Amino acid sequence: MEPDRTAILDAAGRRGEFAERFWRLEMAVSRTGLEDLSNMFTRLQSELEPAGIGMKRSLEDQLRETEADLRPLFKSEENLSAGLGSGGLTYEHAFFKKTRAWSEPLLHTLLQEYRAAEASDPTCLFERLANFFAEMDRAYSHVVSIAELEADKAELKTYAFARSCLRDMADMIEASLQPFLRLRLAVRAVAEGRGRFGDQRPRLSLGALTEKLIDVDPQLYQPRPFGISLSQLRNIAHHSSYRVSGDEIVCEYGNPDRPKKFTCQPRDLIEATVNVQNVYYLHKVAFEFYCTDNIRRIGQAEKRSSGQDVTISDLSKNAILAYGIAAAGFHIMKAARNQFRWAFDLVDRHNRNRNEIEVALQSCTIPFLLQSGPIFFLAFVQSGGRDHRITFNAGMSRTTGPKEGRRYFHLDKNLRVHRTSDPGDPT
């Protein structure tokens, strides 16, 4: 069934040629089986823009600034440079800048735990981290700015909103954050010389996990504004132990015979979801910083166990492409994908001409190419009152090292592009 054209154009608030272009992309999604990823990309973008991503500065200047900002968190300057240049750590740095006031000391703490485990039993630690990559990928697929999506539900009735918000929070705690909680306890066990023994212990429940970690850091694992454990937040959603009274939500948790209660507003649920999301990202960012810092040794451990190499580009997924497009000065309106085919509806922030736009788009795909392989890229771009349709096939040459005299690994001379649209193609 085709989407309703009038409804889409009304929702977009557009008319004229730009509206027609938007409609064409919508039709392409519905007819060709492209997966609509607009929510994911616009929410990722909404988190990048407050950090100043997309300002008109050279890539080299941005990389130098980011490297200087992150250097205190790394031991290997070489791996930091390579990670940044290949497109990794960009989204992670945006999170770090946005949350620095509270996240920086916690990141130092988590990194110190990794390094203590490395000092105690490096073989055990690196094997655990190598084995965690697949689990991290599954965890990430469950949470892409879930808290931001709650704003889309603002018009729901209070009960429907509470149910949806609590369910999303519970899914994020159980499917995305829980693996990192287990990893943190495992890393601490390795640091204490109990890493090998830990493999024989029973798998802890989420409640037992959070109780152990509350002893380590009470505030982090009992997030504001409710100050109750992550497992209790999950239980409220799973047991439907809440009711609506007017515009308020009354939640119960703990012993069913003598439950504890708190009353909150819808905005409190959004704040709690944001804070749970931040706890997840804190653990994810610390993991990625440490793994980038030690990527070769983790790669060796992975190769021993599975015969496959782990590279820096394995550490990030779609966030790399969202960052690349935003950093190149474009605002994402829609995004869609089918395997290696991508389609975007973009607004150019810098009113560039067609050739400048094409070069910028080709360049911003480089980091994504490193971890995805060749892609076909279609973009409808509005710039300075004009519309452009740009398509190209892009891949990488076999040369994968930085060019002579270059510090960063951004491969601007290694991009192989076949343009499929004529420079004069109209929208």
Protein backbone atom coordinates (compact mmCIF):
# COMPACT_ATOMS: atom_id res chain seq x y z
CA MET A 1 0.00 0.00 0.00
CA GLU A 2 1.43 3.35 -1.05
CA PRO A 3 1.74 6.10 1.59
CA ASP A 4 -0.73 8.98 1.42
CA ARG A 5 0.93 11.80 -0.51
CA THR A 6 -1.05 14.70 0.97
CA ALA A 7 -0.53 13.52 4.54
CA ILE A 8 3.20 13.18 4.01
CA LEU A 9 3.58 16.61 2.44
CA ASP A 10 1.43 18.21 5.15
CA ALA A 11 3.49 16.53 7.87
CA ALA A 12 6.68 17.74 6.23
CA GLY A 13 5.29 21.26 5.96
CA ARG A 14 6.64 21.66 2.46
CA ARG A 15 5.37 22.68 -0.97
CA GLY A 16 6.73 23.11 -4.46
CA GLU A 17 9.80 21.34 -5.84
CA PHE A 18 11.21 20.47 -2.43
CA ALA A 19 7.94 18.76 -1.50
CA GLU A 20 7.98 16.82 -4.76
CA ARG A 21 11.53 15.66 -4.09
CA PHE A 22 10.55 14.58 -0.60
CA TRP A 23 7.61 12.67 -2.06
CA ARG A 24 9.84 10.86 -4.55
CA LEU A 25 12.08 9.58 -1.78
CA GLU A 26 9.02 8.42 0.16
CA MET A 27 7.82 6.53 -2.91
CA ALA A 28 11.27 5.02 -3.43
CA VAL A 29 11.13 3.67 0.11
CA SER A 30 7.68 2.13 -0.36
CA ARG A 31 8.24 0.64 -3.82
CA THR A 32 11.79 -0.66 -3.67
CA GLY A 33 11.85 -2.21 -0.21
CA LEU A 34 14.17 0.38 1.29
CA GLU A 35 14.09 0.34 5.09
CA ASP A 36 13.05 3.72 6.48
CA LEU A 37 15.77 4.79 8.97
CA SER A 38 14.67 8.40 9.26
CA ASN A 39 13.89 8.24 12.98
CA MET A 40 17.27 6.69 13.76
CA PHE A 41 19.25 9.23 11.74
CA THR A 42 17.33 12.34 12.77
CA ARG A 43 17.64 11.37 16.46
CA LEU A 44 21.34 10.68 16.13
CA GLN A 45 21.62 14.04 14.42
CA SER A 46 19.70 15.77 17.20
CA GLU A 47 22.35 14.60 19.66
CA LEU A 48 25.25 15.67 17.44
CA GLU A 49 24.11 19.20 16.62
CA PRO A 50 24.21 20.58 20.21
CA ALA A 51 27.87 19.53 20.34
CA GLY A 52 28.66 21.87 17.43
CA ILE A 53 28.96 19.15 14.79
CA GLY A 54 28.57 20.55 11.27
CA MET A 55 30.28 23.90 11.78
CA LYS A 56 32.15 25.04 8.67
CA ARG A 57 35.69 23.99 9.63
CA SER A 58 38.22 21.78 7.92
CA LEU A 59 38.23 18.08 8.74
CA GLU A 60 41.85 18.33 9.83
CA ASP A 61 41.02 21.10 12.33
CA GLN A 62 38.12 19.08 13.75
CA LEU A 63 40.30 16.00 14.13
CA ARG A 64 43.05 17.96 15.90
CA GLU A 65 40.52 19.49 18.31
CA THR A 66 38.89 16.13 19.03
CA GLU A 67 42.25 14.42 19.53
CA ALA A 68 43.38 17.07 22.00
CA ASP A 69 40.11 16.66 23.89
CA LEU A 70 40.35 12.87 24.13
CA ARG A 71 44.10 12.43 24.61
CA PRO A 72 43.90 12.34 28.46
CA LEU A 73 41.67 9.26 28.16
CA PHE A 74 44.10 7.33 25.93
CA LYS A 75 47.53 5.79 26.27
CA SER A 76 48.22 5.16 22.56
CA GLU A 77 48.39 8.38 20.56
CA GLU A 78 48.79 6.35 17.36
CA ASN A 79 45.59 4.38 17.92
CA LEU A 80 43.68 7.52 18.89
CA SER A 81 44.71 9.23 15.63
CA ALA A 82 43.86 6.15 13.57
CA GLY A 83 40.51 5.71 15.32
CA LEU A 84 39.50 9.32 14.72
CA GLY A 85 40.67 9.42 11.13
CA SER A 86 38.82 6.22 10.19
CA GLY A 87 35.54 7.67 11.48
CA GLY A 88 35.46 5.98 14.87
CA LEU A 89 35.00 7.86 18.19
CA THR A 90 33.18 10.74 16.54
CA TYR A 91 29.74 10.03 17.98
CA GLU A 92 31.39 9.00 21.22
CA HIS A 93 33.20 12.34 21.39
CA ALA A 94 29.93 14.20 20.81
CA PHE A 95 28.42 12.34 23.78
CA PHE A 96 31.53 13.13 25.85
CA LYS A 97 31.32 16.86 25.07
CA LYS A 98 27.61 17.05 25.79
CA THR A 99 27.78 15.20 29.12
CA ARG A 100 31.30 16.06 30.21
CA ALA A 101 30.41 17.61 33.56
CA TRP A 102 29.25 14.25 34.95
CA SER A 103 30.62 11.66 32.50
CA GLU A 104 34.34 12.51 32.51
CA PRO A 105 35.15 11.28 36.05
CA LEU A 106 33.06 8.15 35.49
CA LEU A 107 34.82 7.43 32.20
CA HIS A 108 38.16 7.71 33.99
CA THR A 109 36.89 5.24 36.61
CA LEU A 110 35.74 2.69 34.01
CA LEU A 111 38.99 3.01 32.06
CA GLN A 112 40.98 2.53 35.24
CA GLU A 113 39.08 -0.72 35.85
CA TYR A 114 39.96 -1.96 32.36
CA ARG A 115 43.62 -1.08 32.90
CA ALA A 116 43.69 -2.75 36.32
CA ALA A 117 42.30 -5.92 34.69
CA GLU A 118 44.93 -5.63 31.96
CA ALA A 119 47.67 -5.43 34.56
CA SER A 120 46.27 -8.47 36.39
CA ASP A 121 45.55 -10.83 33.47
CA PRO A 122 45.81 -9.28 29.98
CA THR A 123 45.12 -12.54 28.12
CA CYS A 124 41.88 -13.12 30.00
CA LEU A 125 40.75 -9.51 29.61
CA PHE A 126 41.42 -9.24 25.87
CA GLU A 127 39.70 -12.55 25.21
CA ARG A 128 36.63 -11.32 27.09
CA LEU A 129 36.58 -8.02 25.19
CA ALA A 130 37.02 -9.75 21.82
CA ASN A 131 34.11 -12.07 22.62
CA PHE A 132 31.97 -9.10 23.67
CA PHE A 133 31.90 -7.42 20.24
CA ALA A 134 28.98 -9.46 18.93
CA GLU A 135 27.02 -8.90 22.14
CA MET A 136 27.72 -5.17 21.99
CA ASP A 137 26.42 -5.05 18.42
CA ARG A 138 23.14 -6.66 19.51
CA ALA A 139 22.92 -4.28 22.46
CA TYR A 140 23.41 -1.25 20.24
CA SER A 141 20.69 -2.36 17.83
CA HIS A 142 18.17 -2.05 20.69
CA VAL A 143 18.96 1.54 21.58
CA VAL A 144 19.40 4.41 19.18
CA SER A 145 18.30 7.48 21.08
CA ILE A 146 15.23 5.77 22.53
CA ALA A 147 14.70 8.64 24.95
CA GLU A 148 14.44 11.13 22.10
CA LEU A 149 11.70 9.04 20.54
CA GLU A 150 9.50 9.59 23.58
CA ALA A 151 8.86 13.12 22.33
CA ASP A 152 6.97 11.54 19.42
CA LYS A 153 4.46 10.19 21.94
CA ALA A 154 3.64 13.51 23.59
CA GLU A 155 0.10 13.49 22.21
CA LEU A 156 -0.74 10.06 23.65
CA LYS A 157 -3.07 9.77 26.59
CA THR A 158 -1.25 9.51 29.90
CA TYR A 159 -1.69 5.77 30.37
CA ALA A 160 -0.59 4.95 26.81
CA PHE A 161 2.39 7.25 27.18
CA ALA A 162 3.41 5.69 30.51
CA ARG A 163 3.09 2.17 29.12
CA SER A 164 5.13 3.00 26.02
CA CYS A 165 7.81 4.95 27.89
CA LEU A 166 8.26 2.33 30.64
CA ARG A 167 8.38 -0.47 28.08
CA ASP A 168 11.09 1.31 26.09
CA MET A 169 13.08 1.96 29.26
CA ALA A 170 12.78 -1.69 30.33
CA ASP A 171 13.88 -2.91 26.89
CA MET A 172 16.89 -0.62 26.98
CA ILE A 173 17.89 -1.79 30.49
CA GLU A 174 17.49 -5.47 29.72
CA ALA A 175 18.64 -5.76 26.11
CA SER A 176 21.21 -2.96 25.85
CA LEU A 177 22.55 -2.00 29.26
CA GLN A 178 22.55 -5.42 30.95
CA PRO A 179 25.43 -6.83 28.80
CA PHE A 180 27.61 -3.89 29.84
CA LEU A 181 26.73 -4.41 33.51
CA ARG A 182 27.89 -8.02 33.20
CA LEU A 183 31.04 -6.86 31.42
CA ARG A 184 31.88 -4.37 34.16
CA LEU A 185 31.62 -7.03 36.87
CA ALA A 186 33.69 -9.39 34.71
CA VAL A 187 36.40 -6.74 34.23
CA ARG A 188 36.48 -6.05 37.96
CA ALA A 189 36.78 -9.81 38.61
CA VAL A 190 39.75 -10.01 36.23
CA ALA A 191 41.38 -7.07 38.02
CA GLU A 192 40.99 -8.92 41.33
CA GLY A 193 42.46 -12.13 39.92
CA ARG A 194 39.10 -13.91 39.70
CA GLY A 195 38.63 -13.77 35.94
CA ARG A 196 39.08 -17.46 35.18
CA PHE A 197 37.01 -18.53 38.19
CA GLY A 198 34.23 -16.18 37.14
CA ASP A 199 33.50 -18.30 34.06
CA GLN A 200 32.25 -21.10 36.34
CA ARG A 201 29.88 -18.91 38.39
CA PRO A 202 26.09 -18.97 37.80
CA ARG A 203 24.78 -16.21 35.52
CA LEU A 204 23.49 -13.44 37.76
CA SER A 205 19.99 -12.03 37.36
CA LEU A 206 19.54 -8.37 36.49
CA GLY A 207 18.54 -7.70 40.10
CA ALA A 208 21.70 -9.33 41.46
CA LEU A 209 23.81 -7.49 38.88
CA THR A 210 22.46 -4.09 39.82
CA GLU A 211 22.71 -4.77 43.55
CA LYS A 212 26.41 -5.59 43.20
CA LEU A 213 27.02 -2.47 41.11
CA ILE A 214 25.01 -0.24 43.44
CA ASP A 215 27.61 -1.14 46.06
CA VAL A 216 30.23 0.24 43.66
CA ASP A 217 28.35 3.38 42.56
CA PRO A 218 24.91 3.99 44.13
CA GLN A 219 23.99 7.06 42.08
CA LEU A 220 24.88 5.67 38.66
CA TYR A 221 22.76 2.54 39.00
CA GLN A 222 19.85 4.26 40.78
CA PRO A 223 19.31 7.05 38.23
CA ARG A 224 17.39 10.26 38.78
CA PRO A 225 14.69 11.35 39.26
CA PHE A 226 13.34 8.25 41.04
CA GLY A 227 16.52 6.99 42.71
CA ILE A 228 15.54 3.32 42.48
CA SER A 229 17.59 0.53 40.94
CA LEU A 230 17.65 -0.26 37.24
CA SER A 231 16.15 -3.68 37.93
CA GLN A 232 13.21 -2.14 39.80
CA LEU A 233 12.56 0.23 36.88
CA ARG A 234 12.52 -2.80 34.60
CA ASN A 235 10.16 -4.65 36.95
CA ILE A 236 7.64 -1.79 37.06
CA ALA A 237 7.27 -2.05 33.29
CA HIS A 238 7.30 -5.86 33.07
CA HIS A 239 4.81 -6.31 35.92
CA SER A 240 2.62 -3.36 34.85
CA SER A 241 2.74 -2.17 38.45
CA TYR A 242 1.61 1.37 37.71
CA ARG A 243 -1.65 3.22 37.29
CA VAL A 244 -2.76 6.64 36.11
CA SER A 245 -4.44 9.12 38.42
CA GLY A 246 -5.45 12.19 36.45
CA ASP A 247 -2.27 13.48 34.80
CA GLU A 248 -0.03 11.63 37.25
CA ILE A 249 1.44 8.14 37.14
CA VAL A 250 1.62 6.08 40.34
CA CYS A 251 4.27 3.33 40.30
CA GLU A 252 4.78 0.46 42.75
CA TYR A 253 7.85 -1.72 43.23
CA GLY A 254 9.52 -4.04 45.73
CA ASN A 255 7.78 -6.57 47.95
CA PRO A 256 4.27 -7.22 46.53
CA ASP A 257 2.86 -7.50 50.06
CA ARG A 258 4.34 -4.15 51.15
CA PRO A 259 5.10 -2.30 47.92
CA LYS A 260 6.86 1.03 47.83
CA LYS A 261 5.27 3.80 45.76
CA PHE A 262 6.18 7.00 43.98
CA THR A 263 4.12 9.42 41.93
CA CYS A 264 5.48 11.14 38.82
CA GLN A 265 4.59 13.23 35.79
CA PRO A 266 5.16 12.16 32.15
CA ARG A 267 8.19 14.50 32.01
CA ASP A 268 9.71 12.53 34.91
CA LEU A 269 9.50 9.33 32.87
CA ILE A 270 11.25 11.05 29.98
CA GLU A 271 14.00 12.26 32.33
CA ALA A 272 14.43 8.75 33.73
CA THR A 273 14.65 7.29 30.23
CA VAL A 274 17.25 9.87 29.22
CA ASN A 275 19.30 9.08 32.32
CA VAL A 276 19.11 5.32 31.73
CA GLN A 277 20.20 5.94 28.15
CA ASN A 278 23.12 8.01 29.41
CA VAL A 279 24.23 5.19 31.73
CA TYR A 280 24.21 2.86 28.72
CA TYR A 281 26.21 5.26 26.56
CA LEU A 282 28.70 5.87 29.37
CA HIS A 283 29.55 2.15 29.44
CA LYS A 284 29.56 1.89 25.66
CA VAL A 285 31.85 4.90 25.23
CA ALA A 286 34.30 3.64 27.88
CA PHE A 287 34.36 0.24 26.15
CA GLU A 288 35.03 1.79 22.75
CA PHE A 289 37.71 4.16 24.07
CA TYR A 290 39.57 1.31 25.74
CA CYS A 291 39.19 -1.05 22.77
CA THR A 292 40.43 1.59 20.34
CA ASP A 293 43.38 2.20 22.63
CA ASN A 294 44.18 -1.53 22.56
CA ILE A 295 42.70 -2.61 19.23
CA ARG A 296 45.69 -4.65 18.03
CA ARG A 297 45.88 -6.77 21.19
CA ILE A 298 42.13 -7.36 21.21
CA GLY A 299 42.34 -8.23 17.50
CA GLN A 300 45.00 -10.83 18.27
CA ALA A 301 42.76 -12.37 20.94
CA GLU A 302 39.83 -12.48 18.51
CA LYS A 303 41.95 -14.07 15.82
CA ARG A 304 43.09 -16.78 18.22
CA SER A 305 39.52 -17.60 19.24
CA SER A 306 37.65 -17.26 15.94
CA GLY A 307 40.22 -16.79 13.21
CA GLN A 308 38.85 -13.30 12.40
CA ASP A 309 40.50 -9.93 12.77
CA VAL A 310 38.91 -7.07 14.70
CA THR A 311 39.55 -3.60 13.29
CA ILE A 312 38.91 -0.11 14.58
CA SER A 313 36.04 0.25 12.12
CA ASP A 314 34.15 -2.56 13.92
CA LEU A 315 33.57 -0.24 16.87
CA SER A 316 30.84 1.93 15.26
CA LYS A 317 27.91 1.36 12.96
CA ASN A 318 25.31 3.73 11.53
CA ALA A 319 26.36 6.50 13.93
CA ILE A 320 29.49 6.92 11.77
CA LEU A 321 27.41 7.75 8.70
CA ALA A 322 25.06 10.03 10.66
CA TYR A 323 28.07 11.85 12.07
CA GLY A 324 29.75 12.10 8.65
CA ILE A 325 26.70 13.69 7.04
CA ALA A 326 26.13 16.10 9.94
CA ALA A 327 29.83 17.02 10.14
CA ALA A 328 29.84 17.72 6.39
CA GLY A 329 27.26 20.45 7.00
CA PHE A 330 24.00 18.73 6.00
CA HIS A 331 20.74 18.43 7.92
CA ILE A 332 19.10 15.00 7.55
CA MET A 333 15.37 15.05 6.80
CA LYS A 334 14.93 11.41 5.77
CA ALA A 335 17.11 8.33 5.46
CA ALA A 336 16.48 4.87 4.00
CA ARG A 337 18.53 1.77 3.20
CA ASN A 338 18.31 -1.58 1.47
CA GLN A 339 21.53 -3.58 1.94
CA PHE A 340 24.22 -1.48 0.19
CA ARG A 341 21.79 1.12 -1.23
CA TRP A 342 21.24 4.34 0.73
CA ALA A 343 18.87 7.26 0.08
CA PHE A 344 18.84 10.59 1.90
CA ASP A 345 16.82 13.78 1.86
CA LEU A 346 19.20 16.56 2.98
CA VAL A 347 19.39 20.31 3.47
CA ASP A 348 22.80 21.93 2.91
CA ARG A 349 23.60 24.37 5.74
CA HIS A 350 26.28 26.19 3.76
CA ASN A 351 24.53 26.98 0.45
CA ARG A 352 27.18 25.23 -1.64
CA ASN A 353 27.05 24.59 -5.37
CA ARG A 354 26.46 21.16 -6.86
CA ASN A 355 30.11 20.16 -7.24
CA GLU A 356 30.94 21.20 -3.67
CA ILE A 357 27.96 19.22 -2.37
CA GLU A 358 28.99 16.12 -4.31
CA VAL A 359 32.56 16.26 -3.01
CA ALA A 360 31.32 16.73 0.57
CA LEU A 361 28.95 13.76 0.32
CA GLN A 362 31.59 11.51 -1.20
CA SER A 363 34.04 12.45 1.54
CA CYS A 364 31.55 11.86 4.36
CA THR A 365 30.99 8.26 3.24
CA ILE A 366 34.66 7.31 3.69
CA PRO A 367 34.52 6.21 7.36
CA PHE A 368 31.35 4.18 6.72
CA LEU A 369 32.94 2.45 3.74
CA LEU A 370 35.69 1.13 5.98
CA GLN A 371 33.23 -1.04 7.88
CA SER A 372 30.46 -1.64 5.33
CA GLY A 373 32.14 -2.09 1.95
CA PRO A 374 30.97 -0.49 -1.34
CA ILE A 375 27.71 1.46 -1.30
CA PHE A 376 25.32 3.11 -3.73
CA PHE A 377 24.44 6.59 -2.47
CA LEU A 378 21.44 8.67 -3.54
CA ALA A 379 20.84 12.15 -2.10
CA PHE A 380 18.24 14.81 -2.76
CA VAL A 381 19.80 18.03 -1.50
CA GLN A 382 18.26 21.48 -1.06
CA SER A 383 20.91 24.21 -1.09
CA GLY A 384 20.44 27.95 -1.40
CA GLY A 385 16.99 27.68 -2.96
CA ARG A 386 18.06 25.03 -5.48
CA ASP A 387 17.49 21.29 -5.50
CA HIS A 388 20.09 18.73 -6.56
CA ARG A 389 19.90 15.00 -7.19
CA ILE A 390 23.26 13.30 -6.60
CA THR A 391 24.05 9.61 -6.97
CA PHE A 392 27.30 7.69 -6.93
CA ASN A 393 28.77 4.27 -6.26
CA ALA A 394 31.62 4.42 -3.75
CA GLY A 395 34.24 1.95 -2.55
CA MET A 396 37.79 1.93 -1.22
CA SER A 397 41.07 1.17 -2.91
CA ARG A 398 43.29 -1.53 -1.45
CA THR A 399 45.73 0.99 0.01
CA THR A 400 44.61 1.48 3.60
CA GLY A 401 47.39 3.49 5.24
CA PRO A 402 47.63 7.26 5.72
CA LYS A 403 49.19 9.07 2.77
CA GLU A 404 52.74 10.30 3.12
CA GLY A 405 52.99 13.43 5.22
CA ARG A 406 49.50 12.96 6.65
CA ARG A 407 48.82 12.34 10.31
CA TYR A 408 45.24 11.15 10.09
CA PHE A 409 43.83 8.06 8.47
CA HIS A 410 40.94 9.63 6.56
CA LEU A 411 41.83 8.17 3.17
CA ASP A 412 40.81 11.14 1.04
CA LYS A 413 42.97 9.81 -1.79
CA ASN A 414 41.73 6.24 -1.44
CA LEU A 415 38.07 6.85 -2.23
CA ARG A 416 36.97 5.25 -5.50
CA VAL A 417 33.81 6.88 -6.87
CA HIS A 418 31.77 6.16 -9.97
CA ARG A 419 29.31 8.98 -10.51
CA THR A 420 26.00 7.73 -11.87
CA SER A 421 24.25 11.10 -12.23
CA ASP A 422 25.22 13.76 -14.72
CA PRO A 423 26.34 17.09 -13.21
CA GLY A 424 23.42 18.74 -14.93
CA ASP A 425 20.77 16.26 -13.79
CA PRO A 426 17.69 18.08 -12.51
CA THR A 427 15.93 16.94 -9.40
